[in-house]
PDB file of N, CA and C in Angstrom:
ATOM      1  N   MET A   1    -120.020 115.067  52.351  1.00  0.00           N
ATOM      2  CA  MET A   1    -119.217 113.911  51.982  1.00  0.00           C
ATOM      3  C   MET A   1    -120.028 113.069  51.009  1.00  0.00           C
ATOM      4  N   ALA A   2    -119.406 112.575  49.999  1.00  0.00           N
ATOM      5  CA  ALA A   2    -120.055 111.668  49.052  1.00  0.00           C
ATOM      6  C   ALA A   2    -119.132 110.489  48.810  1.00  0.00           C
ATOM      7  N   ALA A   3    -119.710 109.375  48.526  1.00  0.00           N
ATOM      8  CA  ALA A   3    -118.909 108.180  48.260  1.00  0.00           C
ATOM      9  C   ALA A   3    -119.206 107.695  46.851  1.00  0.00           C
ATOM     10  N   VAL A   4    -118.183 107.334  46.112  1.00  0.00           N
ATOM     11  CA  VAL A   4    -118.351 106.815  44.764  1.00  0.00           C
ATOM     12  C   VAL A   4    -118.565 105.316  44.858  1.00  0.00           C
ATOM     13  N   SER A   5    -119.669 104.832  44.259  1.00  0.00           N
ATOM     14  CA  SER A   5    -120.034 103.411  44.291  1.00  0.00           C
ATOM     15  C   SER A   5    -120.076 102.881  45.719  1.00  0.00           C
ATOM     16  N   GLY A   6    -120.596 103.657  46.620  1.00  0.00           N
ATOM     17  CA  GLY A   6    -120.730 103.248  48.017  1.00  0.00           C
ATOM     18  C   GLY A   6    -121.746 104.132  48.703  1.00  0.00           C
ATOM     19  N   PHE A   7    -121.578 104.303  49.996  1.00  0.00           N
ATOM     20  CA  PHE A   7    -122.514 105.127  50.744  1.00  0.00           C
ATOM     21  C   PHE A   7    -121.800 106.337  51.319  1.00  0.00           C
ATOM     22  N   GLY A   8    -122.496 107.425  51.402  1.00  0.00           N
ATOM     23  CA  GLY A   8    -121.954 108.638  51.994  1.00  0.00           C
ATOM     24  C   GLY A   8    -123.092 109.546  52.398  1.00  0.00           C
ATOM     25  N   VAL A   9    -122.770 110.631  53.034  1.00  0.00           N
ATOM     26  CA  VAL A   9    -123.782 111.584  53.471  1.00  0.00           C
ATOM     27  C   VAL A   9    -123.441 112.945  52.900  1.00  0.00           C
ATOM     28  N   GLY A  10    -124.391 113.584  52.271  1.00  0.00           N
ATOM     29  CA  GLY A  10    -124.194 114.937  51.756  1.00  0.00           C
ATOM     30  C   GLY A  10    -125.142 115.891  52.450  1.00  0.00           C
ATOM     31  N   LEU A  11    -124.613 116.907  53.072  1.00  0.00           N
ATOM     32  CA  LEU A  11    -125.436 117.910  53.739  1.00  0.00           C
ATOM     33  C   LEU A  11    -125.426 119.179  52.901  1.00  0.00           C
ATOM     34  N   LEU A  12    -126.592 119.571  52.411  1.00  0.00           N
ATOM     35  CA  LEU A  12    -126.700 120.738  51.549  1.00  0.00           C
ATOM     36  C   LEU A  12    -127.562 121.790  52.228  1.00  0.00           C
ATOM     37  N   PRO A  13    -127.202 123.060  52.113  1.00  0.00           N
ATOM     38  CA  PRO A  13    -128.065 124.104  52.667  1.00  0.00           C
ATOM     39  C   PRO A  13    -129.397 124.142  51.928  1.00  0.00           C
ATOM     40  N   ASN A  14    -130.413 124.694  52.556  1.00  0.00           N
ATOM     41  CA  ASN A  14    -131.756 124.719  51.969  1.00  0.00           C
ATOM     42  C   ASN A  14    -131.793 125.410  50.612  1.00  0.00           C
ATOM     43  N   TRP A  15    -130.966 126.425  50.391  1.00  0.00           N
ATOM     44  CA  TRP A  15    -131.021 127.150  49.126  1.00  0.00           C
ATOM     45  C   TRP A  15    -130.480 126.346  47.954  1.00  0.00           C
ATOM     46  N   VAL A  16    -129.791 125.229  48.225  1.00  0.00           N
ATOM     47  CA  VAL A  16    -129.277 124.378  47.148  1.00  0.00           C
ATOM     48  C   VAL A  16    -130.364 123.455  46.616  1.00  0.00           C
ATOM     49  N   VAL A  17    -131.328 123.108  47.466  1.00  0.00           N
ATOM     50  CA  VAL A  17    -132.350 122.124  47.105  1.00  0.00           C
ATOM     51  C   VAL A  17    -133.384 122.776  46.201  1.00  0.00           C
ATOM     52  N   SER A  18    -133.552 122.233  45.006  1.00  0.00           N
ATOM     53  CA  SER A  18    -134.506 122.808  44.064  1.00  0.00           C
ATOM     54  C   SER A  18    -135.875 122.154  44.228  1.00  0.00           C
ATOM     55  N   THR A  19    -136.861 122.684  43.524  1.00  0.00           N
ATOM     56  CA  THR A  19    -138.234 122.199  43.672  1.00  0.00           C
ATOM     57  C   THR A  19    -138.443 120.822  43.062  1.00  0.00           C
ATOM     58  N   ASP A  20    -137.544 120.352  42.190  1.00  0.00           N
ATOM     59  CA  ASP A  20    -137.738 119.034  41.579  1.00  0.00           C
ATOM     60  C   ASP A  20    -137.158 117.911  42.432  1.00  0.00           C
ATOM     61  N   ILE A  21    -136.598 118.232  43.591  1.00  0.00           N
ATOM     62  CA  ILE A  21    -136.085 117.214  44.501  1.00  0.00           C
ATOM     63  C   ILE A  21    -137.125 116.975  45.579  1.00  0.00           C
ATOM     64  N   HIS A  22    -137.555 115.730  45.723  1.00  0.00           N
ATOM     65  CA  HIS A  22    -138.573 115.380  46.700  1.00  0.00           C
ATOM     66  C   HIS A  22    -137.968 114.487  47.767  1.00  0.00           C
ATOM     67  N   SER A  23    -138.553 114.507  48.948  1.00  0.00           N
ATOM     68  CA  SER A  23    -138.051 113.723  50.069  1.00  0.00           C
ATOM     69  C   SER A  23    -138.002 112.241  49.713  1.00  0.00           C
ATOM     70  N   GLY A  24    -136.857 111.612  49.950  1.00  0.00           N
ATOM     71  CA  GLY A  24    -136.689 110.186  49.710  1.00  0.00           C
ATOM     72  C   GLY A  24    -136.380 109.816  48.270  1.00  0.00           C
ATOM     73  N   LYS A  25    -136.282 110.789  47.369  1.00  0.00           N
ATOM     74  CA  LYS A  25    -136.009 110.509  45.958  1.00  0.00           C
ATOM     75  C   LYS A  25    -134.504 110.533  45.715  1.00  0.00           C
ATOM     76  N   LEU A  26    -133.985 109.525  45.032  1.00  0.00           N
ATOM     77  CA  LEU A  26    -132.562 109.440  44.721  1.00  0.00           C
ATOM     78  C   LEU A  26    -132.264 110.335  43.523  1.00  0.00           C
ATOM     79  N   MET A  27    -131.325 111.271  43.689  1.00  0.00           N
ATOM     80  CA  MET A  27    -131.018 112.250  42.653  1.00  0.00           C
ATOM     81  C   MET A  27    -129.524 112.258  42.367  1.00  0.00           C
ATOM     82  N   PRO A  28    -129.115 112.522  41.103  1.00  0.00           N
ATOM     83  CA  PRO A  28    -127.688 112.697  40.829  1.00  0.00           C
ATOM     84  C   PRO A  28    -127.150 113.874  41.635  1.00  0.00           C
ATOM     85  N   LEU A  29    -125.979 113.698  42.235  1.00  0.00           N
ATOM     86  CA  LEU A  29    -125.427 114.724  43.118  1.00  0.00           C
ATOM     87  C   LEU A  29    -124.641 115.783  42.348  1.00  0.00           C
ATOM     88  N   PHE A  30    -123.982 115.390  41.265  1.00  0.00           N
ATOM     89  CA  PHE A  30    -123.165 116.324  40.498  1.00  0.00           C
ATOM     90  C   PHE A  30    -123.612 116.337  39.045  1.00  0.00           C
ATOM     91  N   ASN A  31    -123.503 117.499  38.397  1.00  0.00           N
ATOM     92  CA  ASN A  31    -123.714 117.582  36.965  1.00  0.00           C
ATOM     93  C   ASN A  31    -122.410 117.159  36.301  1.00  0.00           C
ATOM     94  N   ASP A  32    -122.409 115.991  35.672  1.00  0.00           N
ATOM     95  CA  ASP A  32    -121.182 115.410  35.122  1.00  0.00           C
ATOM     96  C   ASP A  32    -121.423 114.987  33.677  1.00  0.00           C
ATOM     97  N   PRO A  33    -121.412 115.943  32.731  1.00  0.00           N
ATOM     98  CA  PRO A  33    -121.731 115.617  31.342  1.00  0.00           C
ATOM     99  C   PRO A  33    -120.738 114.658  30.691  1.00  0.00           C
ATOM    100  N   ASP A  34    -119.512 114.604  31.178  1.00  0.00           N
ATOM    101  CA  ASP A  34    -118.515 113.712  30.587  1.00  0.00           C
ATOM    102  C   ASP A  34    -118.581 112.304  31.152  1.00  0.00           C
ATOM    103  N   GLY A  35    -119.350 112.093  32.196  1.00  0.00           N
ATOM    104  CA  GLY A  35    -119.506 110.757  32.773  1.00  0.00           C
ATOM    105  C   GLY A  35    -118.283 110.263  33.525  1.00  0.00           C
ATOM    106  N   ARG A  36    -117.491 111.161  34.071  1.00  0.00           N
ATOM    107  CA  ARG A  36    -116.288 110.732  34.792  1.00  0.00           C
ATOM    108  C   ARG A  36    -116.590 110.287  36.219  1.00  0.00           C
ATOM    109  N   LYS A  37    -117.646 110.844  36.813  1.00  0.00           N
ATOM    110  CA  LYS A  37    -118.013 110.474  38.180  1.00  0.00           C
ATOM    111  C   LYS A  37    -119.303 109.672  38.120  1.00  0.00           C
ATOM    112  N   GLU A  38    -119.204 108.381  38.016  1.00  0.00           N
ATOM    113  CA  GLU A  38    -120.393 107.546  37.910  1.00  0.00           C
ATOM    114  C   GLU A  38    -120.887 107.156  39.297  1.00  0.00           C
ATOM    115  N   ASP A  39    -122.169 106.923  39.368  1.00  0.00           N
ATOM    116  CA  ASP A  39    -122.802 106.403  40.587  1.00  0.00           C
ATOM    117  C   ASP A  39    -122.653 107.330  41.782  1.00  0.00           C
ATOM    118  N   ILE A  40    -122.710 108.640  41.569  1.00  0.00           N
ATOM    119  CA  ILE A  40    -122.714 109.576  42.692  1.00  0.00           C
ATOM    120  C   ILE A  40    -124.124 110.149  42.783  1.00  0.00           C
ATOM    121  N   TYR A  41    -124.825 109.760  43.816  1.00  0.00           N
ATOM    122  CA  TYR A  41    -126.209 110.179  43.999  1.00  0.00           C
ATOM    123  C   TYR A  41    -126.420 110.657  45.418  1.00  0.00           C
ATOM    124  N   CYS A  42    -127.466 111.409  45.622  1.00  0.00           N
ATOM    125  CA  CYS A  42    -127.844 111.787  46.978  1.00  0.00           C
ATOM    126  C   CYS A  42    -129.329 111.503  47.149  1.00  0.00           C
ATOM    127  N   GLU A  43    -129.717 111.243  48.368  1.00  0.00           N
ATOM    128  CA  GLU A  43    -131.127 111.085  48.694  1.00  0.00           C
ATOM    129  C   GLU A  43    -131.505 112.230  49.611  1.00  0.00           C
ATOM    130  N   TYR A  44    -132.469 113.019  49.180  1.00  0.00           N
ATOM    131  CA  TYR A  44    -132.893 114.174  49.969  1.00  0.00           C
ATOM    132  C   TYR A  44    -133.843 113.696  51.055  1.00  0.00           C
ATOM    133  N   LEU A  45    -133.497 113.979  52.284  1.00  0.00           N
ATOM    134  CA  LEU A  45    -134.334 113.610  53.418  1.00  0.00           C
ATOM    135  C   LEU A  45    -134.945 114.869  54.012  1.00  0.00           C
ATOM    136  N   LEU A  46    -136.235 114.823  54.254  1.00  0.00           N
ATOM    137  CA  LEU A  46    -136.934 115.963  54.827  1.00  0.00           C
ATOM    138  C   LEU A  46    -136.462 116.179  56.255  1.00  0.00           C
ATOM    139  N   THR A  47    -135.905 117.361  56.526  1.00  0.00           N
ATOM    140  CA  THR A  47    -135.355 117.624  57.853  1.00  0.00           C
ATOM    141  C   THR A  47    -136.189 118.613  58.651  1.00  0.00           C
ATOM    142  N   ARG A  48    -137.113 119.295  57.995  1.00  0.00           N
ATOM    143  CA  ARG A  48    -137.953 120.266  58.696  1.00  0.00           C
ATOM    144  C   ARG A  48    -139.406 120.027  58.337  1.00  0.00           C
ATOM    145  N   GLN A  49    -140.273 120.275  59.291  1.00  0.00           N
ATOM    146  CA  GLN A  49    -141.700 120.191  59.038  1.00  0.00           C
ATOM    147  C   GLN A  49    -142.289 121.586  59.142  1.00  0.00           C
ATOM    148  N   LYS A  50    -143.181 121.911  58.220  1.00  0.00           N
ATOM    149  CA  LYS A  50    -143.848 123.214  58.272  1.00  0.00           C
ATOM    150  C   LYS A  50    -144.990 123.134  59.275  1.00  0.00           C
ATOM    151  N   ASN A  51    -145.139 124.166  60.060  1.00  0.00           N
ATOM    152  CA  ASN A  51    -146.226 124.204  61.057  1.00  0.00           C
ATOM    153  C   ASN A  51    -147.472 124.808  60.459  1.00  0.00           C
TER     154      ASN A  51
END
């Protein structure tokens, strides 16, 4: 779920998360070259710890 100009939660599988996304960093959620969906971002939260 994502919210435009508000708050929402986006759950992505691990294979979607690329190496340039770091825990707690705000990232654009969609590739929108035309600028039709403004202010849609996600914050990646670390959900697993490596042992």
